[in-house]
């Protein structure tokens, strides 16, 4: 950060500090990489349609391995990562950048489903809704100060076990 000192110059030539202003410059912003975590889980359609069971409660424990996710934006090359044990996948994004715009997160599983993505630092919700065709969701703008976690529910025709 840059500091600017405003001084009152007296007739005798002495400076008396009145205030210190702090200005934030663009190059002072947080710089990536940022950990981006996705929890992929299968969710039987009977659970999805049951008003007494929530997606998180009914499906989060049904983690699925082998789903590949891709983070893409205007400012970055696509970053892909695959879920492992328990359906958890983590990738690093925004390497050397403070933010990215027109961001999308997509998966290689085009099944119907639901996604909930939030910033764990601020609690801000980045996306809360149905996945688009081809398994993608928009996240709009992502900042290096965020810690993003997405719950990615993949609907299946089978009944809950």
N, C-alpha and C. Protein backbone atom coordinates (compact mmCIF):
# COMPACT_ATOMS: atom_id res chain seq x y z
N UNK A 1 0.83 -1.17 0.00
CA UNK A 1 0.00 0.00 0.00
C UNK A 1 0.88 1.24 0.00
N UNK A 2 0.37 2.27 -0.57
CA UNK A 2 1.09 3.53 -0.63
C UNK A 2 0.51 4.46 0.42
N UNK A 3 1.36 5.19 1.10
CA UNK A 3 0.88 6.14 2.10
C UNK A 3 1.24 7.54 1.63
N UNK A 4 0.29 8.43 1.79
CA UNK A 4 0.49 9.82 1.41
C UNK A 4 0.35 10.65 2.66
N UNK A 5 1.30 11.51 2.92
CA UNK A 5 1.30 12.33 4.12
C UNK A 5 0.95 13.76 3.72
N UNK A 6 -0.08 14.26 4.36
CA UNK A 6 -0.47 15.65 4.13
C UNK A 6 0.07 16.46 5.31
N UNK A 7 0.81 17.50 5.00
CA UNK A 7 1.44 18.29 6.07
C UNK A 7 1.07 19.75 5.93
N UNK A 8 0.99 20.39 7.06
CA UNK A 8 0.77 21.83 7.12
C UNK A 8 2.14 22.47 7.30
N UNK A 9 2.52 23.26 6.36
CA UNK A 9 3.82 23.91 6.44
C UNK A 9 3.62 25.25 7.15
N UNK A 10 4.31 25.38 8.25
CA UNK A 10 4.21 26.59 9.04
C UNK A 10 5.19 27.64 8.50
N UNK A 11 4.99 28.82 8.88
CA UNK A 11 5.83 29.93 8.40
C UNK A 11 7.30 29.68 8.71
N UNK A 12 7.58 28.97 9.78
CA UNK A 12 8.97 28.73 10.13
C UNK A 12 9.56 27.56 9.35
N UNK A 13 8.76 26.94 8.45
CA UNK A 13 9.27 25.88 7.59
C UNK A 13 9.14 24.49 8.18
N UNK A 14 8.47 24.32 9.32
CA UNK A 14 8.29 23.00 9.92
C UNK A 14 7.03 22.35 9.35
N UNK A 15 7.05 21.05 9.22
CA UNK A 15 5.86 20.31 8.76
C UNK A 15 5.15 19.68 9.94
N UNK A 16 3.84 19.81 10.00
CA UNK A 16 3.03 19.23 11.06
C UNK A 16 2.04 18.26 10.41
N UNK A 17 2.17 16.98 10.66
CA UNK A 17 1.28 16.04 9.99
C UNK A 17 -0.17 16.20 10.46
N UNK A 18 -1.08 16.29 9.50
CA UNK A 18 -2.50 16.40 9.81
C UNK A 18 -3.22 15.08 9.64
N UNK A 19 -2.89 14.33 8.61
CA UNK A 19 -3.59 13.08 8.36
C UNK A 19 -2.74 12.18 7.49
N UNK A 20 -2.97 10.90 7.61
CA UNK A 20 -2.34 9.93 6.73
C UNK A 20 -3.45 9.23 5.97
N UNK A 21 -3.37 9.25 4.64
CA UNK A 21 -4.36 8.59 3.80
C UNK A 21 -3.76 7.31 3.26
N UNK A 22 -4.53 6.24 3.27
CA UNK A 22 -4.08 4.98 2.72
C UNK A 22 -4.86 4.73 1.44
N UNK A 23 -4.14 4.48 0.38
CA UNK A 23 -4.79 4.18 -0.89
C UNK A 23 -4.42 2.78 -1.31
N UNK A 24 -5.40 2.04 -1.85
CA UNK A 24 -5.16 0.70 -2.33
C UNK A 24 -5.05 0.76 -3.84
N UNK A 25 -4.00 0.20 -4.35
CA UNK A 25 -3.80 0.18 -5.78
C UNK A 25 -4.13 -1.20 -6.31
N UNK A 26 -4.44 -1.28 -7.59
CA UNK A 26 -4.80 -2.56 -8.21
C UNK A 26 -3.70 -3.60 -8.01
N UNK A 27 -2.44 -3.18 -8.05
CA UNK A 27 -1.36 -4.15 -7.90
C UNK A 27 -1.17 -4.59 -6.45
N UNK A 28 -1.96 -4.04 -5.50
CA UNK A 28 -1.90 -4.44 -4.11
C UNK A 28 -2.93 -5.52 -3.78
N UNK A 29 -3.81 -5.86 -4.73
CA UNK A 29 -4.87 -6.84 -4.48
C UNK A 29 -4.27 -8.23 -4.27
N UNK A 30 -5.05 -9.10 -3.59
CA UNK A 30 -4.61 -10.47 -3.37
C UNK A 30 -4.40 -11.16 -4.72
N UNK A 31 -3.39 -11.99 -4.79
CA UNK A 31 -3.06 -12.71 -6.01
C UNK A 31 -3.19 -14.21 -5.76
N UNK A 32 -3.76 -14.93 -6.76
CA UNK A 32 -3.93 -16.38 -6.65
C UNK A 32 -2.58 -17.08 -6.58
N UNK A 33 -2.54 -18.38 -6.41
CA UNK A 33 -3.63 -19.30 -6.67
C UNK A 33 -4.60 -19.43 -5.51
N UNK A 34 -5.80 -19.89 -5.85
CA UNK A 34 -6.86 -20.11 -4.89
C UNK A 34 -7.28 -21.57 -4.99
N UNK A 35 -7.48 -22.22 -3.85
CA UNK A 35 -7.99 -23.59 -3.86
C UNK A 35 -9.48 -23.57 -4.17
N UNK A 36 -9.88 -24.42 -5.08
CA UNK A 36 -11.26 -24.52 -5.52
C UNK A 36 -11.66 -25.97 -5.29
N UNK A 37 -12.65 -26.22 -4.44
CA UNK A 37 -13.03 -27.58 -4.06
C UNK A 37 -14.44 -27.89 -4.53
N UNK A 38 -14.62 -29.08 -5.09
CA UNK A 38 -15.94 -29.54 -5.50
C UNK A 38 -16.22 -30.87 -4.82
N UNK A 39 -17.42 -30.99 -4.25
CA UNK A 39 -17.91 -32.26 -3.71
C UNK A 39 -18.95 -32.77 -4.68
N UNK A 40 -18.66 -33.85 -5.41
CA UNK A 40 -19.62 -34.42 -6.36
C UNK A 40 -20.34 -35.59 -5.70
N UNK A 41 -21.65 -35.61 -5.82
CA UNK A 41 -22.44 -36.68 -5.21
C UNK A 41 -23.61 -37.05 -6.11
N UNK A 42 -23.95 -38.34 -6.10
CA UNK A 42 -25.14 -38.78 -6.83
C UNK A 42 -26.35 -38.60 -5.93
N UNK A 43 -27.47 -38.28 -6.57
CA UNK A 43 -28.69 -38.00 -5.81
C UNK A 43 -29.87 -38.68 -6.50
N UNK A 44 -30.38 -39.76 -5.90
CA UNK A 44 -31.53 -40.45 -6.49
C UNK A 44 -32.73 -39.50 -6.65
N UNK A 45 -33.43 -39.64 -7.75
CA UNK A 45 -34.53 -38.74 -8.08
C UNK A 45 -35.64 -38.79 -7.03
N UNK A 46 -35.81 -39.93 -6.33
CA UNK A 46 -36.84 -39.97 -5.28
C UNK A 46 -36.47 -39.06 -4.11
N UNK A 47 -35.18 -38.89 -3.85
CA UNK A 47 -34.74 -37.95 -2.82
C UNK A 47 -34.96 -36.52 -3.29
N UNK A 48 -34.64 -36.26 -4.56
CA UNK A 48 -34.82 -34.92 -5.13
C UNK A 48 -36.29 -34.49 -5.02
N UNK A 49 -37.20 -35.42 -5.27
CA UNK A 49 -38.64 -35.10 -5.28
C UNK A 49 -39.31 -35.16 -3.92
N UNK A 50 -38.59 -35.58 -2.89
CA UNK A 50 -39.17 -35.69 -1.55
C UNK A 50 -39.01 -34.35 -0.81
N UNK A 51 -40.14 -33.67 -0.50
CA UNK A 51 -40.04 -32.37 0.18
C UNK A 51 -39.54 -32.45 1.62
N UNK A 52 -39.48 -33.66 2.18
CA UNK A 52 -39.03 -33.83 3.56
C UNK A 52 -37.53 -34.10 3.68
N UNK A 53 -36.87 -34.27 2.54
CA UNK A 53 -35.42 -34.54 2.54
C UNK A 53 -34.73 -33.46 1.71
N UNK A 54 -33.73 -32.83 2.26
CA UNK A 54 -32.97 -31.84 1.52
C UNK A 54 -31.88 -32.50 0.70
N UNK A 55 -31.42 -31.82 -0.34
CA UNK A 55 -30.35 -32.36 -1.18
C UNK A 55 -29.10 -32.66 -0.37
N UNK A 56 -28.71 -31.74 0.48
CA UNK A 56 -27.49 -31.94 1.25
C UNK A 56 -27.63 -33.15 2.16
N UNK A 57 -28.72 -33.19 2.94
CA UNK A 57 -28.92 -34.29 3.88
C UNK A 57 -29.09 -35.63 3.17
N UNK A 58 -29.81 -35.62 2.06
CA UNK A 58 -30.11 -36.87 1.37
C UNK A 58 -29.04 -37.35 0.42
N UNK A 59 -28.12 -36.49 0.03
CA UNK A 59 -27.20 -36.87 -1.05
C UNK A 59 -25.72 -36.61 -0.81
N UNK A 60 -25.37 -35.69 0.06
CA UNK A 60 -23.97 -35.26 0.18
C UNK A 60 -23.03 -36.42 0.49
N UNK A 61 -23.49 -37.40 1.24
CA UNK A 61 -22.64 -38.53 1.61
C UNK A 61 -22.43 -39.52 0.46
N UNK A 62 -23.14 -39.33 -0.67
CA UNK A 62 -23.04 -40.26 -1.80
C UNK A 62 -21.96 -39.81 -2.79
N UNK A 63 -20.78 -39.53 -2.31
CA UNK A 63 -19.70 -39.03 -3.15
C UNK A 63 -19.38 -39.96 -4.31
N UNK A 64 -19.02 -39.39 -5.44
CA UNK A 64 -18.72 -40.17 -6.63
C UNK A 64 -17.34 -39.79 -7.16
N UNK A 65 -16.51 -40.79 -7.39
CA UNK A 65 -15.16 -40.58 -7.92
C UNK A 65 -15.19 -40.49 -9.44
N UNK A 66 -14.17 -39.85 -10.00
CA UNK A 66 -13.96 -39.87 -11.43
C UNK A 66 -14.70 -38.83 -12.24
N UNK A 67 -15.31 -37.83 -11.60
CA UNK A 67 -15.97 -36.76 -12.34
C UNK A 67 -14.94 -35.66 -12.55
N UNK A 68 -14.74 -35.26 -13.79
CA UNK A 68 -13.76 -34.22 -14.10
C UNK A 68 -14.46 -32.87 -14.23
N UNK A 69 -13.92 -31.88 -13.53
CA UNK A 69 -14.46 -30.52 -13.55
C UNK A 69 -13.47 -29.60 -14.24
N UNK A 70 -13.99 -28.59 -14.92
CA UNK A 70 -13.15 -27.60 -15.59
C UNK A 70 -13.60 -26.21 -15.20
N UNK A 71 -12.65 -25.41 -14.73
CA UNK A 71 -12.85 -24.01 -14.38
C UNK A 71 -12.34 -23.21 -15.57
N UNK A 72 -13.18 -22.32 -16.13
CA UNK A 72 -12.76 -21.51 -17.27
C UNK A 72 -13.21 -20.06 -17.08
N UNK A 73 -12.44 -19.14 -17.64
CA UNK A 73 -12.78 -17.72 -17.57
C UNK A 73 -12.13 -17.00 -18.75
N UNK A 74 -12.43 -15.70 -18.86
CA UNK A 74 -11.81 -14.91 -19.92
C UNK A 74 -10.32 -14.72 -19.70
N UNK A 75 -9.89 -14.64 -18.43
CA UNK A 75 -8.51 -14.30 -18.11
C UNK A 75 -7.58 -15.49 -17.91
N UNK A 76 -8.12 -16.70 -17.84
CA UNK A 76 -7.28 -17.85 -17.52
C UNK A 76 -7.42 -18.96 -18.55
N UNK A 77 -6.40 -19.78 -18.59
CA UNK A 77 -6.51 -21.03 -19.35
C UNK A 77 -7.41 -21.95 -18.52
N UNK A 78 -8.15 -22.85 -19.16
CA UNK A 78 -8.98 -23.79 -18.39
C UNK A 78 -8.13 -24.63 -17.44
N UNK A 79 -8.66 -24.87 -16.24
CA UNK A 79 -8.02 -25.70 -15.23
C UNK A 79 -8.96 -26.86 -14.94
N UNK A 80 -8.47 -28.09 -15.09
CA UNK A 80 -9.30 -29.27 -14.84
C UNK A 80 -8.77 -30.07 -13.67
N UNK A 81 -9.69 -30.72 -12.96
CA UNK A 81 -9.33 -31.61 -11.86
C UNK A 81 -10.43 -32.65 -11.74
N UNK A 82 -10.11 -33.81 -11.16
CA UNK A 82 -11.03 -34.95 -11.10
C UNK A 82 -11.28 -35.32 -9.64
N UNK A 83 -12.53 -35.70 -9.35
CA UNK A 83 -12.86 -36.10 -7.99
C UNK A 83 -12.22 -37.44 -7.66
N UNK A 84 -11.81 -37.55 -6.43
CA UNK A 84 -11.20 -38.79 -5.94
C UNK A 84 -12.09 -39.42 -4.88
N UNK A 85 -11.46 -40.01 -3.90
CA UNK A 85 -12.19 -40.69 -2.83
C UNK A 85 -13.19 -39.75 -2.17
N UNK A 86 -14.40 -40.24 -1.95
CA UNK A 86 -15.44 -39.45 -1.31
C UNK A 86 -16.06 -38.42 -2.22
N UNK A 87 -15.66 -38.40 -3.49
CA UNK A 87 -16.24 -37.45 -4.43
C UNK A 87 -15.68 -36.05 -4.33
N UNK A 88 -14.49 -35.90 -3.73
CA UNK A 88 -13.90 -34.57 -3.55
C UNK A 88 -12.81 -34.34 -4.59
N UNK A 89 -12.87 -33.18 -5.24
CA UNK A 89 -11.84 -32.77 -6.19
C UNK A 89 -11.40 -31.37 -5.86
N UNK A 90 -10.10 -31.11 -5.97
CA UNK A 90 -9.57 -29.78 -5.68
C UNK A 90 -8.63 -29.35 -6.79
N UNK A 91 -8.75 -28.10 -7.19
CA UNK A 91 -7.86 -27.53 -8.18
C UNK A 91 -7.43 -26.15 -7.73
N UNK A 92 -6.31 -25.68 -8.27
CA UNK A 92 -5.85 -24.33 -7.98
C UNK A 92 -6.18 -23.45 -9.18
N UNK A 93 -6.78 -22.31 -8.88
CA UNK A 93 -7.20 -21.38 -9.93
C UNK A 93 -6.59 -20.01 -9.67
N UNK A 94 -6.69 -19.14 -10.65
CA UNK A 94 -6.23 -17.75 -10.57
C UNK A 94 -4.74 -17.62 -10.26
N UNK A 95 -3.93 -18.52 -10.76
CA UNK A 95 -2.49 -18.42 -10.52
C UNK A 95 -1.98 -17.09 -11.09
N UNK A 96 -1.49 -16.21 -10.21
CA UNK A 96 -0.93 -14.93 -10.61
C UNK A 96 -1.94 -13.84 -10.93
N UNK A 97 -3.22 -14.09 -10.68
CA UNK A 97 -4.26 -13.10 -10.97
C UNK A 97 -5.01 -12.73 -9.70
N UNK A 98 -5.62 -11.54 -9.69
CA UNK A 98 -6.42 -11.14 -8.54
C UNK A 98 -7.89 -11.46 -8.73
N UNK A 99 -8.35 -11.61 -9.99
CA UNK A 99 -9.76 -11.96 -10.23
C UNK A 99 -9.92 -12.48 -11.65
N UNK A 100 -11.07 -13.11 -11.88
CA UNK A 100 -11.41 -13.61 -13.21
C UNK A 100 -12.90 -13.34 -13.43
N UNK A 101 -13.27 -13.01 -14.66
CA UNK A 101 -14.67 -12.69 -14.98
C UNK A 101 -15.24 -13.71 -15.96
N UNK A 102 -16.55 -13.69 -16.08
CA UNK A 102 -17.30 -14.61 -16.93
C UNK A 102 -16.82 -16.05 -16.71
N UNK A 103 -16.78 -16.42 -15.44
CA UNK A 103 -16.29 -17.73 -15.02
C UNK A 103 -17.39 -18.78 -15.17
N UNK A 104 -17.01 -19.97 -15.62
CA UNK A 104 -17.92 -21.11 -15.61
C UNK A 104 -17.20 -22.30 -14.99
N UNK A 105 -18.00 -23.14 -14.36
CA UNK A 105 -17.52 -24.42 -13.85
C UNK A 105 -18.35 -25.46 -14.56
N UNK A 106 -17.69 -26.42 -15.18
CA UNK A 106 -18.42 -27.46 -15.89
C UNK A 106 -17.87 -28.83 -15.52
N UNK A 107 -18.68 -29.86 -15.78
CA UNK A 107 -18.23 -31.22 -15.51
C UNK A 107 -18.37 -32.05 -16.77
N UNK A 108 -17.70 -33.21 -16.77
CA UNK A 108 -17.81 -34.11 -17.91
C UNK A 108 -19.05 -35.00 -17.81
N UNK A 109 -19.87 -34.78 -16.79
CA UNK A 109 -21.11 -35.53 -16.62
C UNK A 109 -22.28 -34.60 -16.94
N UNK A 110 -22.93 -34.80 -18.09
CA UNK A 110 -23.99 -33.89 -18.51
C UNK A 110 -25.35 -34.17 -17.86
N UNK A 111 -25.40 -35.09 -16.89
CA UNK A 111 -26.67 -35.44 -16.25
C UNK A 111 -27.33 -34.23 -15.60
N UNK A 112 -28.63 -34.32 -15.47
CA UNK A 112 -29.36 -33.28 -14.74
C UNK A 112 -28.84 -33.23 -13.31
N UNK A 113 -28.96 -32.07 -12.70
CA UNK A 113 -28.50 -31.96 -11.33
C UNK A 113 -28.59 -30.55 -10.79
N UNK A 114 -27.96 -30.35 -9.66
CA UNK A 114 -28.04 -29.11 -8.92
C UNK A 114 -26.65 -28.76 -8.41
N UNK A 115 -26.35 -27.48 -8.33
CA UNK A 115 -25.05 -27.04 -7.80
C UNK A 115 -25.25 -25.90 -6.81
N UNK A 116 -24.45 -25.92 -5.77
CA UNK A 116 -24.42 -24.86 -4.77
C UNK A 116 -22.96 -24.50 -4.54
N UNK A 117 -22.57 -23.29 -4.89
CA UNK A 117 -21.19 -22.84 -4.74
C UNK A 117 -21.15 -21.59 -3.88
N UNK A 118 -20.21 -21.56 -2.94
CA UNK A 118 -20.11 -20.39 -2.06
C UNK A 118 -18.66 -20.10 -1.71
N UNK A 119 -18.45 -18.89 -1.25
CA UNK A 119 -17.15 -18.45 -0.76
C UNK A 119 -17.11 -18.75 0.73
N UNK A 120 -16.20 -19.61 1.13
CA UNK A 120 -16.12 -20.02 2.53
C UNK A 120 -15.60 -18.92 3.44
N UNK A 121 -14.94 -17.91 2.88
CA UNK A 121 -14.44 -16.80 3.70
C UNK A 121 -15.54 -15.81 4.07
N UNK A 122 -16.36 -15.45 3.10
CA UNK A 122 -17.39 -14.43 3.34
C UNK A 122 -18.78 -15.00 3.54
N UNK A 123 -18.99 -16.25 3.10
CA UNK A 123 -20.32 -16.83 3.15
C UNK A 123 -21.19 -16.47 1.94
N UNK A 124 -20.65 -15.66 1.01
CA UNK A 124 -21.40 -15.27 -0.18
C UNK A 124 -21.70 -16.48 -1.04
N UNK A 125 -22.92 -16.56 -1.54
CA UNK A 125 -23.32 -17.63 -2.45
C UNK A 125 -23.01 -17.18 -3.87
N UNK A 126 -22.23 -17.99 -4.59
CA UNK A 126 -21.85 -17.69 -5.96
C UNK A 126 -22.83 -18.28 -6.96
N UNK A 127 -23.38 -19.44 -6.63
CA UNK A 127 -24.38 -20.08 -7.49
C UNK A 127 -25.21 -21.02 -6.64
N UNK A 128 -26.52 -21.02 -6.86
CA UNK A 128 -27.44 -21.89 -6.14
C UNK A 128 -28.58 -22.21 -7.09
N UNK A 129 -28.44 -23.30 -7.85
CA UNK A 129 -29.49 -23.62 -8.81
C UNK A 129 -29.20 -24.85 -9.63
N UNK A 130 -30.07 -25.06 -10.60
CA UNK A 130 -29.99 -26.21 -11.49
C UNK A 130 -28.81 -26.03 -12.45
N UNK A 131 -28.11 -27.14 -12.71
CA UNK A 131 -27.01 -27.12 -13.67
C UNK A 131 -27.58 -26.91 -15.06
N UNK A 132 -26.85 -26.22 -15.91
CA UNK A 132 -27.24 -26.03 -17.29
C UNK A 132 -26.93 -27.29 -18.10
N UNK A 133 -27.45 -27.34 -19.33
CA UNK A 133 -27.12 -28.46 -20.22
C UNK A 133 -25.62 -28.56 -20.34
N UNK A 134 -25.18 -29.78 -20.56
CA UNK A 134 -23.74 -30.08 -20.64
C UNK A 134 -23.04 -29.94 -19.30
N UNK A 135 -23.79 -29.84 -18.20
CA UNK A 135 -23.20 -29.85 -16.87
C UNK A 135 -22.41 -28.63 -16.48
N UNK A 136 -22.88 -27.43 -16.83
CA UNK A 136 -22.13 -26.21 -16.52
C UNK A 136 -22.94 -25.26 -15.63
N UNK A 137 -22.24 -24.46 -14.84
CA UNK A 137 -22.87 -23.40 -14.05
C UNK A 137 -22.02 -22.14 -14.17
N UNK A 138 -22.67 -20.96 -14.18
CA UNK A 138 -21.92 -19.71 -14.21
C UNK A 138 -21.56 -19.26 -12.80
N UNK A 139 -20.35 -18.79 -12.59
CA UNK A 139 -19.94 -18.24 -11.30
C UNK A 139 -19.66 -16.74 -11.42
N UNK A 140 -19.74 -16.19 -12.62
CA UNK A 140 -19.56 -14.77 -12.87
C UNK A 140 -18.16 -14.29 -12.55
N UNK A 141 -17.93 -13.61 -11.43
CA UNK A 141 -16.59 -13.11 -11.10
C UNK A 141 -16.06 -13.83 -9.86
N UNK A 142 -14.82 -14.24 -9.94
CA UNK A 142 -14.16 -14.93 -8.83
C UNK A 142 -12.92 -14.11 -8.47
N UNK A 143 -12.71 -13.89 -7.16
CA UNK A 143 -11.58 -13.10 -6.66
C UNK A 143 -10.59 -13.99 -5.92
N UNK A 144 -9.33 -13.59 -5.92
CA UNK A 144 -8.28 -14.36 -5.27
C UNK A 144 -8.45 -14.41 -3.76
N UNK A 145 -9.26 -13.54 -3.19
CA UNK A 145 -9.47 -13.54 -1.74
C UNK A 145 -10.50 -14.60 -1.33
N UNK A 146 -11.10 -15.30 -2.30
CA UNK A 146 -12.15 -16.26 -1.99
C UNK A 146 -11.58 -17.67 -1.80
N UNK A 147 -12.32 -18.47 -1.05
CA UNK A 147 -12.06 -19.91 -0.91
C UNK A 147 -13.37 -20.57 -1.32
N UNK A 148 -13.40 -21.13 -2.51
CA UNK A 148 -14.66 -21.58 -3.11
C UNK A 148 -14.86 -23.08 -2.92
N UNK A 149 -16.08 -23.44 -2.47
CA UNK A 149 -16.48 -24.83 -2.35
C UNK A 149 -17.83 -24.97 -3.04
N UNK A 150 -17.94 -25.99 -3.90
CA UNK A 150 -19.19 -26.28 -4.59
C UNK A 150 -19.67 -27.68 -4.24
N UNK A 151 -20.96 -27.80 -3.94
CA UNK A 151 -21.61 -29.10 -3.82
C UNK A 151 -22.30 -29.33 -5.15
N UNK A 152 -21.96 -30.44 -5.81
CA UNK A 152 -22.41 -30.73 -7.17
C UNK A 152 -23.20 -32.03 -7.12
N UNK A 153 -24.53 -31.93 -7.22
CA UNK A 153 -25.40 -33.09 -7.11
C UNK A 153 -25.81 -33.58 -8.50
N UNK A 154 -25.56 -34.86 -8.77
CA UNK A 154 -25.89 -35.48 -10.04
C UNK A 154 -27.12 -36.35 -9.83
N UNK A 155 -28.21 -36.03 -10.50
CA UNK A 155 -29.45 -36.78 -10.35
C UNK A 155 -29.34 -38.14 -11.03
N UNK A 156 -29.85 -39.18 -10.36
CA UNK A 156 -29.91 -40.53 -10.94
C UNK A 156 -31.33 -41.04 -10.87
N UNK A 157 -31.65 -42.01 -11.72
CA UNK A 157 -33.01 -42.57 -11.73
C UNK A 157 -33.25 -43.60 -10.65
N UNK A 158 -32.19 -44.10 -10.03
CA UNK A 158 -32.32 -45.13 -9.03
C UNK A 158 -32.93 -44.62 -7.74
N UNK A 159 -33.44 -45.55 -6.95
CA UNK A 159 -34.01 -45.21 -5.63
C UNK A 159 -32.90 -45.12 -4.59
N UNK A 160 -33.18 -44.36 -3.54
CA UNK A 160 -32.21 -44.24 -2.44
C UNK A 160 -32.02 -45.59 -1.79
N UNK A 161 -30.77 -45.87 -1.43
CA UNK A 161 -30.47 -47.20 -0.89
C UNK A 161 -30.52 -47.22 0.56
